[in-house]
Amino acid sequence: MRLLIGISVVLGTVLVSSLVVTAAKEDREPPVPLAGLTAAESTRFEEGRRVFQTQFTPRDGLGPAFNARACEACHHIPTIGGHGPGYRSNLRYRENGQEGTGRLFHQLALPVGTPENLAPDAIISKRRPPTLRGLGLIEAIPEEDILRNADQDDRDRDGIRGRPAMRDGHLMRFGSQAHVASLFEFVADALRQEMGLTSAVPGFNQELSKISLPAFIEARIPNPNLTEQTVRQLVDFVGFLAPVPRDSMFSGGQVARGERLFGELACAKCHVPTFRTSAKPFARGGDGAMVSSPALLNQEVAAYSDFLLHDLGATLDDGVTLGVAKSSEYKTPPLWGLRFHKHLLLHDGRANNVEQAILYHGGEGARSRQRYLGLPLDDRRALLEFLETL
């Protein structure tokens, strides 16, 4: 059964309140925008930030099942817009022989309605909230540059394939299993999945939860809950977030040695150190808006990912599939900002440190893992020290 945990206010009071924007908590660092934004872009960034920090209420459409009341609740480390401190639960289940509509097992629900039973054959897995910083730069990488690294047939026989996740002829590059094609879709989907907020964006205007609310409550909730403009404001905020820079305080010989080993162990085959964004304006996926900001064009993207799917073997196979990925396939996670979440690694946070994450690599990552295990202790330390700078 899904837990029905009441939020700490009287429902009637919540229903008559409006959107509330709260200041960031004292221990949360403010969001960091990309350098070089124009005055107009900075304004759009701030408008989106306000939505990002909004404490949504049932009157706005929150729920009936949800994981948080504000985007920043799951994205605030090391700054607002970063990754989260815990994880969410993904699930896959079948109902009458068909896949169920829900993808998330929510932690919270409004204290009204009918509890939703979880099917006995449901498969539940964890997913940690990713950082949102740098996603605009990732979207600006030309598709052909990413596809150039694909090797589905392992032509070079190195055991590493790299499969592009394609949908309707377009590359999907967001999400743990590369199941989301655009930043616009990423934001609209998160609003609906994580907070139960529908929007005027086509494909995201229907409720996913099967928990029904009393009619007198439904009648007072906007349908859809959010306008497309609100979603666009959030997309602007996320798209203009700067990535976490490397730690320049540690750049000595040991770090350089570790970086060299990163390439020699073939880690860089999947965790490709850099790409470059498009030099020309391009149409953003999802809504087709033109991206022409100098802050996003012709920029280096040191994300350490190839944005392709890789089969990592049975150990990391948790039975859940998203998009076109198999249950043992995951998109190479970007490593920028690694030093801020080094105790919550891999798609489900099972690895408590970087070395543990390396040792979990199976399948296409098995050879690199074995090469790491064959290194002298000093070389292992150098590699880990390099990764600590990301």
Protein backbone atom coordinates (compact mmCIF):
# COMPACT_ATOMS: atom_id res chain seq x y z
CA MET A 1 0.00 0.00 0.00
CA ARG A 2 1.23 3.50 -0.76
CA LEU A 3 1.84 5.48 2.44
CA LEU A 4 -0.68 8.26 2.93
CA ILE A 5 1.24 10.79 4.98
CA GLY A 6 -0.50 14.08 5.66
CA ILE A 7 1.42 17.30 5.13
CA SER A 8 1.70 19.38 8.27
CA VAL A 9 -1.16 21.81 7.61
CA VAL A 10 -4.93 21.57 7.68
CA LEU A 11 -6.15 20.60 4.21
CA GLY A 12 -8.81 23.33 4.11
CA THR A 13 -6.18 25.94 4.84
CA VAL A 14 -3.90 24.62 2.15
CA LEU A 15 -6.63 24.70 -0.47
CA VAL A 16 -7.20 28.41 -0.14
CA SER A 17 -3.53 29.36 -0.20
CA SER A 18 -1.66 30.42 -3.31
CA LEU A 19 1.82 29.66 -4.62
CA VAL A 20 4.35 30.38 -1.92
CA VAL A 21 7.96 31.20 -2.80
CA THR A 22 10.25 30.61 0.12
CA ALA A 23 13.76 31.90 0.57
CA ALA A 24 16.52 29.32 0.35
CA LYS A 25 17.36 27.74 3.68
CA GLU A 26 20.39 29.25 5.34
CA ASP A 27 22.48 26.15 4.74
CA ARG A 28 21.70 26.09 1.01
CA GLU A 29 23.96 27.94 -1.36
CA PRO A 30 22.24 30.02 -4.07
CA PRO A 31 22.07 28.72 -7.65
CA VAL A 32 24.98 29.50 -9.97
CA PRO A 33 24.07 30.76 -13.48
CA LEU A 34 26.23 30.33 -16.56
CA ALA A 35 28.73 33.09 -17.18
CA GLY A 36 27.85 35.50 -19.97
CA LEU A 37 24.06 35.60 -19.64
CA THR A 38 22.45 38.71 -21.06
CA ALA A 39 20.29 40.93 -18.86
CA ALA A 40 17.16 39.39 -20.39
CA GLU A 41 18.48 35.86 -19.82
CA SER A 42 19.36 36.69 -16.22
CA THR A 43 15.78 37.85 -15.72
CA ARG A 44 14.47 34.58 -17.16
CA PHE A 45 16.85 32.68 -14.87
CA GLU A 46 15.48 34.51 -11.82
CA GLU A 47 11.87 33.96 -12.89
CA GLY A 48 12.57 30.25 -13.19
CA ARG A 49 14.38 30.21 -9.86
CA ARG A 50 11.26 31.50 -8.15
CA VAL A 51 9.22 28.64 -9.61
CA PHE A 52 11.98 26.18 -8.65
CA GLN A 53 11.71 27.30 -5.02
CA THR A 54 7.90 27.46 -4.96
CA GLN A 55 6.26 25.41 -2.22
CA PHE A 56 3.33 23.96 -4.18
CA THR A 57 0.06 23.21 -2.41
CA PRO A 58 -2.95 20.98 -3.14
CA ARG A 59 -4.75 24.04 -4.49
CA ASP A 60 -2.03 24.33 -7.16
CA GLY A 61 -2.47 20.64 -8.02
CA LEU A 62 0.17 19.08 -5.78
CA GLY A 63 -0.35 15.34 -5.44
CA PRO A 64 -2.35 13.43 -4.62
CA ALA A 65 0.88 11.40 -4.41
CA PHE A 66 4.20 13.22 -4.43
CA ASN A 67 7.80 13.15 -3.22
CA ALA A 68 8.30 16.83 -2.36
CA ARG A 69 6.51 20.19 -2.46
CA ALA A 70 9.32 22.09 -4.18
CA CYS A 71 11.92 21.27 -6.83
CA GLU A 72 14.74 22.51 -4.61
CA ALA A 73 13.87 19.92 -1.93
CA CYS A 74 15.58 17.25 -4.05
CA HIS A 75 18.14 19.46 -5.81
CA HIS A 76 20.26 21.62 -3.50
CA ILE A 77 23.75 20.09 -3.08
CA PRO A 78 26.24 21.82 -3.27
CA THR A 79 23.99 24.66 -4.51
CA ILE A 80 20.32 25.03 -5.36
CA GLY A 81 19.92 23.16 -8.64
CA GLY A 82 22.42 20.48 -7.65
CA HIS A 83 21.83 16.85 -6.71
CA GLY A 84 19.85 15.48 -3.77
CA PRO A 85 20.76 13.92 -0.43
CA GLY A 86 18.80 10.69 -0.82
CA TYR A 87 16.95 8.69 -3.44
CA ARG A 88 13.52 8.06 -4.87
CA SER A 89 11.93 4.69 -5.61
CA ASN A 90 11.22 3.61 -9.16
CA LEU A 91 8.83 0.78 -9.79
CA ARG A 92 7.60 -1.40 -12.57
CA TYR A 93 4.43 -3.42 -12.27
CA ARG A 94 1.82 -5.11 -14.41
CA GLU A 95 -1.93 -4.85 -14.06
CA ASN A 96 -4.19 -7.26 -15.94
CA GLY A 97 -1.23 -8.20 -18.10
CA GLN A 98 -0.45 -4.58 -18.96
CA GLU A 99 2.26 -2.25 -17.71
CA GLY A 100 0.97 0.03 -14.96
CA THR A 101 0.93 3.78 -15.49
CA GLY A 102 3.03 4.76 -12.50
CA ARG A 103 6.82 4.90 -12.58
CA LEU A 104 7.46 6.17 -9.06
CA PHE A 105 6.60 4.91 -5.62
CA HIS A 106 5.91 8.20 -3.88
CA GLN A 107 6.85 8.91 -0.29
CA LEU A 108 3.90 11.22 0.45
CA ALA A 109 0.22 11.60 -0.35
CA LEU A 110 -2.60 13.93 0.63
CA PRO A 111 -4.59 12.64 3.64
CA VAL A 112 -7.68 12.09 1.50
CA GLY A 113 -8.75 9.67 -1.18
CA THR A 114 -8.27 5.94 -1.53
CA PRO A 115 -4.95 4.20 -0.83
CA GLU A 116 -3.37 2.61 -3.88
CA ASN A 117 -2.31 -1.00 -3.44
CA LEU A 118 1.04 -2.05 -4.81
CA ALA A 119 0.92 -5.13 -7.02
CA PRO A 120 2.58 -8.20 -5.45
CA ASP A 121 4.86 -8.62 -8.47
CA ALA A 122 6.00 -4.99 -8.47
CA ILE A 123 9.71 -4.41 -8.96
CA ILE A 124 11.07 -1.51 -6.94
CA SER A 125 14.48 0.09 -7.36
CA LYS A 126 16.13 3.26 -6.15
CA ARG A 127 17.21 6.28 -8.18
CA ARG A 128 19.20 9.15 -6.73
CA PRO A 129 18.23 12.71 -7.73
CA PRO A 130 20.78 13.90 -10.31
CA THR A 131 22.39 17.29 -10.45
CA LEU A 132 20.64 19.73 -12.76
CA ARG A 133 23.72 21.89 -13.18
CA GLY A 134 25.06 21.96 -16.73
CA LEU A 135 22.04 20.30 -18.36
CA GLY A 136 21.60 23.21 -20.76
CA LEU A 137 25.14 22.68 -22.03
CA ILE A 138 24.50 18.95 -22.41
CA GLU A 139 21.42 19.65 -24.51
CA ALA A 140 23.50 21.97 -26.71
CA ILE A 141 25.95 19.22 -27.74
CA PRO A 142 25.30 18.33 -31.40
CA GLU A 143 23.65 14.93 -31.72
CA GLU A 144 26.10 13.77 -34.36
CA ASP A 145 29.04 14.34 -32.01
CA ILE A 146 27.52 11.99 -29.44
CA LEU A 147 26.58 9.37 -32.05
CA ARG A 148 30.17 9.35 -33.31
CA ASN A 149 31.18 7.42 -30.17
CA ALA A 150 28.53 4.72 -30.54
CA ASP A 151 29.87 1.22 -31.22
CA GLN A 152 26.89 -1.12 -30.95
CA ASP A 153 28.66 -3.95 -32.77
CA ASP A 154 31.94 -3.52 -30.85
CA ARG A 155 33.87 -3.05 -34.07
CA ASP A 156 37.12 -2.36 -32.23
CA ARG A 157 36.63 -5.47 -30.03
CA ASP A 158 37.42 -3.68 -26.79
CA GLY A 159 34.29 -4.98 -25.06
CA ILE A 160 32.75 -1.49 -24.88
CA ARG A 161 29.80 -0.87 -27.15
CA GLY A 162 27.84 2.25 -26.35
CA ARG A 163 24.31 2.21 -27.71
CA PRO A 164 22.42 5.41 -28.51
CA ALA A 165 18.91 5.60 -27.06
CA MET A 166 16.81 6.73 -30.02
CA ARG A 167 13.14 7.73 -30.19
CA ASP A 168 11.47 8.90 -33.37
CA GLY A 169 14.89 9.43 -34.92
CA HIS A 170 16.16 11.63 -32.08
CA LEU A 171 18.77 10.89 -29.43
CA MET A 172 17.63 10.71 -25.82
CA ARG A 173 20.37 11.94 -23.49
CA PHE A 174 18.70 12.70 -20.13
CA GLY A 175 17.76 10.37 -17.28
CA SER A 176 19.58 7.42 -15.71
CA GLN A 177 18.66 5.18 -18.65
CA ALA A 178 18.67 7.90 -21.33
CA HIS A 179 14.89 7.81 -21.53
CA VAL A 180 14.23 11.54 -21.92
CA ALA A 181 14.94 13.38 -25.17
CA SER A 182 14.91 17.06 -24.19
CA LEU A 183 15.31 19.37 -21.24
CA PHE A 184 11.74 20.58 -21.81
CA GLU A 185 10.43 17.02 -21.51
CA PHE A 186 12.74 16.37 -18.54
CA VAL A 187 11.22 19.27 -16.58
CA ALA A 188 7.59 18.59 -17.52
CA ASP A 189 7.99 14.91 -16.66
CA ALA A 190 9.62 15.65 -13.29
CA LEU A 191 6.78 17.99 -12.33
CA ARG A 192 4.22 15.31 -13.07
CA GLN A 193 6.14 12.33 -11.70
CA GLU A 194 7.65 13.86 -8.57
CA MET A 195 4.90 16.28 -7.50
CA GLY A 196 1.82 15.16 -9.40
CA LEU A 197 1.64 18.51 -11.22
CA THR A 198 0.16 18.32 -14.70
CA SER A 199 0.88 21.03 -17.25
CA ALA A 200 -0.42 22.41 -20.51
CA VAL A 201 2.53 20.74 -22.26
CA PRO A 202 1.15 18.09 -24.67
CA GLY A 203 1.65 14.63 -23.21
CA PHE A 204 1.96 15.87 -19.63
CA ASN A 205 -1.59 17.07 -18.95
CA GLN A 206 -2.93 13.81 -17.51
CA GLU A 207 -2.69 12.57 -13.92
CA LEU A 208 -0.55 9.48 -13.36
CA SER A 209 -1.75 8.64 -9.86
CA LYS A 210 -4.79 6.42 -9.44
CA ILE A 211 -5.61 7.95 -6.06
CA SER A 212 -8.90 9.78 -6.49
CA LEU A 213 -9.73 13.00 -4.66
CA PRO A 214 -13.20 14.11 -3.54
CA ALA A 215 -15.09 16.05 -6.22
CA PHE A 216 -15.28 19.25 -4.16
CA ILE A 217 -11.48 19.35 -4.05
CA GLU A 218 -11.00 18.48 -7.73
CA ALA A 219 -13.32 21.33 -8.70
CA ARG A 220 -11.02 23.90 -7.07
CA ILE A 221 -7.79 22.74 -8.70
CA PRO A 222 -6.70 24.23 -12.06
CA ASN A 223 -6.70 21.70 -14.88
CA PRO A 224 -4.04 21.37 -16.08
CA ASN A 225 -2.25 22.49 -12.93
CA LEU A 226 0.50 24.56 -14.56
CA THR A 227 0.67 26.70 -17.67
CA GLU A 228 3.19 26.02 -20.40
CA GLN A 229 4.80 29.37 -19.55
CA THR A 230 5.54 28.13 -16.02
CA VAL A 231 7.24 25.05 -17.45
CA ARG A 232 9.26 27.26 -19.82
CA GLN A 233 10.42 29.36 -16.87
CA LEU A 234 11.70 26.24 -15.13
CA VAL A 235 13.40 25.08 -18.32
CA ASP A 236 15.16 28.45 -18.58
CA PHE A 237 16.35 28.20 -14.98
CA VAL A 238 17.67 24.65 -15.36
CA GLY A 239 19.12 25.34 -18.81
CA PHE A 240 21.08 28.35 -17.56
CA LEU A 241 22.56 26.60 -14.50
CA ALA A 242 26.36 26.45 -14.61
CA PRO A 243 28.07 23.07 -14.12
CA VAL A 244 30.21 22.42 -11.06
CA PRO A 245 33.78 23.48 -11.95
CA ARG A 246 36.77 21.27 -11.26
CA ASP A 247 38.62 21.83 -8.00
CA SER A 248 41.64 23.84 -9.14
CA MET A 249 43.32 23.65 -5.73
CA PHE A 250 44.51 20.13 -6.47
CA SER A 251 46.33 20.00 -9.79
CA GLY A 252 49.72 18.56 -8.97
CA GLY A 253 51.64 15.63 -10.39
CA GLN A 254 49.55 13.02 -8.59
CA VAL A 255 46.34 14.36 -10.14
CA ALA A 256 47.94 14.49 -13.61
CA ARG A 257 49.10 10.92 -13.15
CA GLY A 258 45.58 9.86 -12.16
CA GLU A 259 44.12 11.60 -15.19
CA ARG A 260 46.55 9.73 -17.44
CA LEU A 261 45.57 6.43 -15.82
CA PHE A 262 41.90 7.31 -16.37
CA GLY A 263 42.61 7.16 -20.08
CA GLU A 264 44.88 4.11 -19.96
CA LEU A 265 42.27 2.05 -18.09
CA ALA A 266 39.73 2.95 -20.83
CA CYS A 267 37.54 4.80 -18.32
CA ALA A 268 37.50 7.68 -20.79
CA LYS A 269 35.93 5.45 -23.47
CA CYS A 270 32.58 5.87 -21.69
CA HIS A 271 33.31 8.84 -19.45
CA VAL A 272 34.39 10.99 -22.41
CA PRO A 273 36.13 14.01 -20.83
CA THR A 274 34.84 16.79 -23.08
CA PHE A 275 32.45 17.75 -25.84
CA ARG A 276 31.75 21.12 -27.40
CA THR A 277 28.34 22.68 -27.78
CA SER A 278 26.89 23.77 -31.10
CA ALA A 279 28.50 26.86 -32.60
CA LYS A 280 25.21 27.86 -34.22
CA PRO A 281 21.73 28.53 -32.78
CA PHE A 282 19.56 25.42 -32.68
CA ALA A 283 15.95 24.49 -32.01
CA ARG A 284 15.43 23.20 -28.49
CA GLY A 285 13.76 19.81 -28.25
CA GLY A 286 10.27 19.58 -26.83
CA ASP A 287 8.96 23.04 -27.66
CA GLY A 288 11.16 24.01 -30.62
CA ALA A 289 12.34 27.28 -29.06
CA MET A 290 15.54 28.61 -30.62
CA VAL A 291 18.62 28.51 -28.41
CA SER A 292 20.94 31.35 -29.36
CA SER A 293 22.53 32.36 -26.05
CA PRO A 294 26.31 32.94 -26.32
CA ALA A 295 26.52 31.35 -22.86
CA LEU A 296 25.41 28.03 -24.39
CA LEU A 297 26.99 28.15 -27.85
CA ASN A 298 30.52 26.97 -28.69
CA GLN A 299 31.27 26.08 -25.06
CA GLU A 300 33.36 23.24 -23.68
CA VAL A 301 31.34 20.61 -21.80
CA ALA A 302 33.63 18.72 -19.41
CA ALA A 303 30.91 16.34 -18.25
CA TYR A 304 32.87 13.06 -18.47
CA SER A 305 30.09 11.13 -20.20
CA ASP A 306 29.34 9.82 -23.68
CA PHE A 307 25.55 9.99 -23.05
CA LEU A 308 25.18 6.47 -24.44
CA LEU A 309 23.75 3.28 -22.95
CA HIS A 310 26.10 0.60 -21.65
CA ASP A 311 25.33 -2.87 -20.30
CA LEU A 312 26.95 -3.05 -16.87
CA GLY A 313 26.09 -6.66 -16.13
CA ALA A 314 23.93 -8.62 -13.72
CA THR A 315 25.08 -6.98 -10.49
CA LEU A 316 23.61 -3.59 -11.43
CA ASP A 317 20.54 -5.09 -13.12
CA ASP A 318 17.62 -4.10 -10.87
CA GLY A 319 14.84 -5.22 -13.18
CA VAL A 320 13.55 -1.75 -14.03
CA THR A 321 13.56 -0.47 -17.60
CA LEU A 322 13.02 3.11 -18.73
CA GLY A 323 12.76 4.13 -22.36
CA VAL A 324 14.51 1.73 -24.74
CA ALA A 325 17.14 0.59 -22.23
CA LYS A 326 17.43 -2.97 -20.99
CA SER A 327 17.31 -3.42 -17.23
CA SER A 328 21.10 -3.82 -17.10
CA GLU A 329 21.78 -0.79 -19.33
CA TYR A 330 22.50 2.68 -18.00
CA LYS A 331 23.54 5.96 -19.53
CA THR A 332 27.09 6.88 -18.58
CA PRO A 333 26.55 9.30 -15.68
CA PRO A 334 28.42 12.61 -15.98
CA LEU A 335 31.21 12.88 -13.42
CA TRP A 336 31.34 16.66 -13.07
CA GLY A 337 30.50 17.54 -9.48
CA LEU A 338 31.49 14.03 -8.36
CA ARG A 339 33.33 15.30 -5.29
CA PHE A 340 30.06 16.61 -3.84
CA HIS A 341 28.20 13.28 -3.95
CA LYS A 342 31.02 10.75 -3.65
CA HIS A 343 29.18 8.86 -0.89
CA LEU A 344 26.06 8.27 -2.99
CA LEU A 345 27.17 6.82 -6.32
CA LEU A 346 25.75 4.76 -9.20
CA HIS A 347 22.14 5.04 -10.35
CA ASP A 348 20.72 3.86 -7.03
CA GLY A 349 23.30 5.25 -4.63
CA ARG A 350 24.50 1.80 -3.57
CA ALA A 351 28.21 2.71 -3.75
CA ASN A 352 29.51 4.56 -0.69
CA ASN A 353 32.73 5.77 -2.31
CA VAL A 354 34.41 6.09 -5.69
CA GLU A 355 36.41 2.87 -5.42
CA GLN A 356 33.28 0.92 -4.56
CA ALA A 357 31.57 2.35 -7.64
CA ILE A 358 34.48 1.19 -9.81
CA LEU A 359 34.29 -2.31 -8.35
CA TYR A 360 30.57 -2.57 -9.14
CA HIS A 361 31.32 -2.17 -12.85
CA GLY A 362 30.50 -5.36 -14.73
CA GLY A 363 29.55 -6.11 -18.31
CA GLU A 364 31.13 -3.51 -20.57
CA GLY A 365 32.97 -2.03 -17.59
CA ALA A 366 34.50 -5.31 -16.40
CA ARG A 367 37.83 -4.91 -18.22
CA SER A 368 38.41 -1.45 -16.77
CA ARG A 369 37.57 -2.78 -13.31
CA GLN A 370 40.10 -5.60 -13.69
CA ARG A 371 42.75 -3.17 -14.91
CA TYR A 372 42.10 -1.02 -11.87
CA LEU A 373 42.50 -4.01 -9.56
CA GLY A 374 45.81 -4.79 -11.26
CA LEU A 375 47.26 -1.35 -10.52
CA PRO A 376 49.87 -0.78 -7.80
CA LEU A 377 48.38 0.86 -4.72
CA ASP A 378 50.02 4.22 -5.50
CA ASP A 379 48.45 4.28 -8.96
CA ARG A 380 45.03 3.51 -7.52
CA ARG A 381 45.43 6.42 -5.13
CA ALA A 382 46.44 8.71 -7.98
CA LEU A 383 43.36 7.77 -9.99
CA LEU A 384 41.07 8.33 -7.02
CA GLU A 385 42.75 11.65 -6.27
CA PHE A 386 42.11 12.78 -9.83
CA LEU A 387 38.43 11.82 -9.55
CA GLU A 388 38.21 13.79 -6.30
CA THR A 389 38.90 16.96 -8.30
CA LEU A 390 35.83 16.59 -10.52
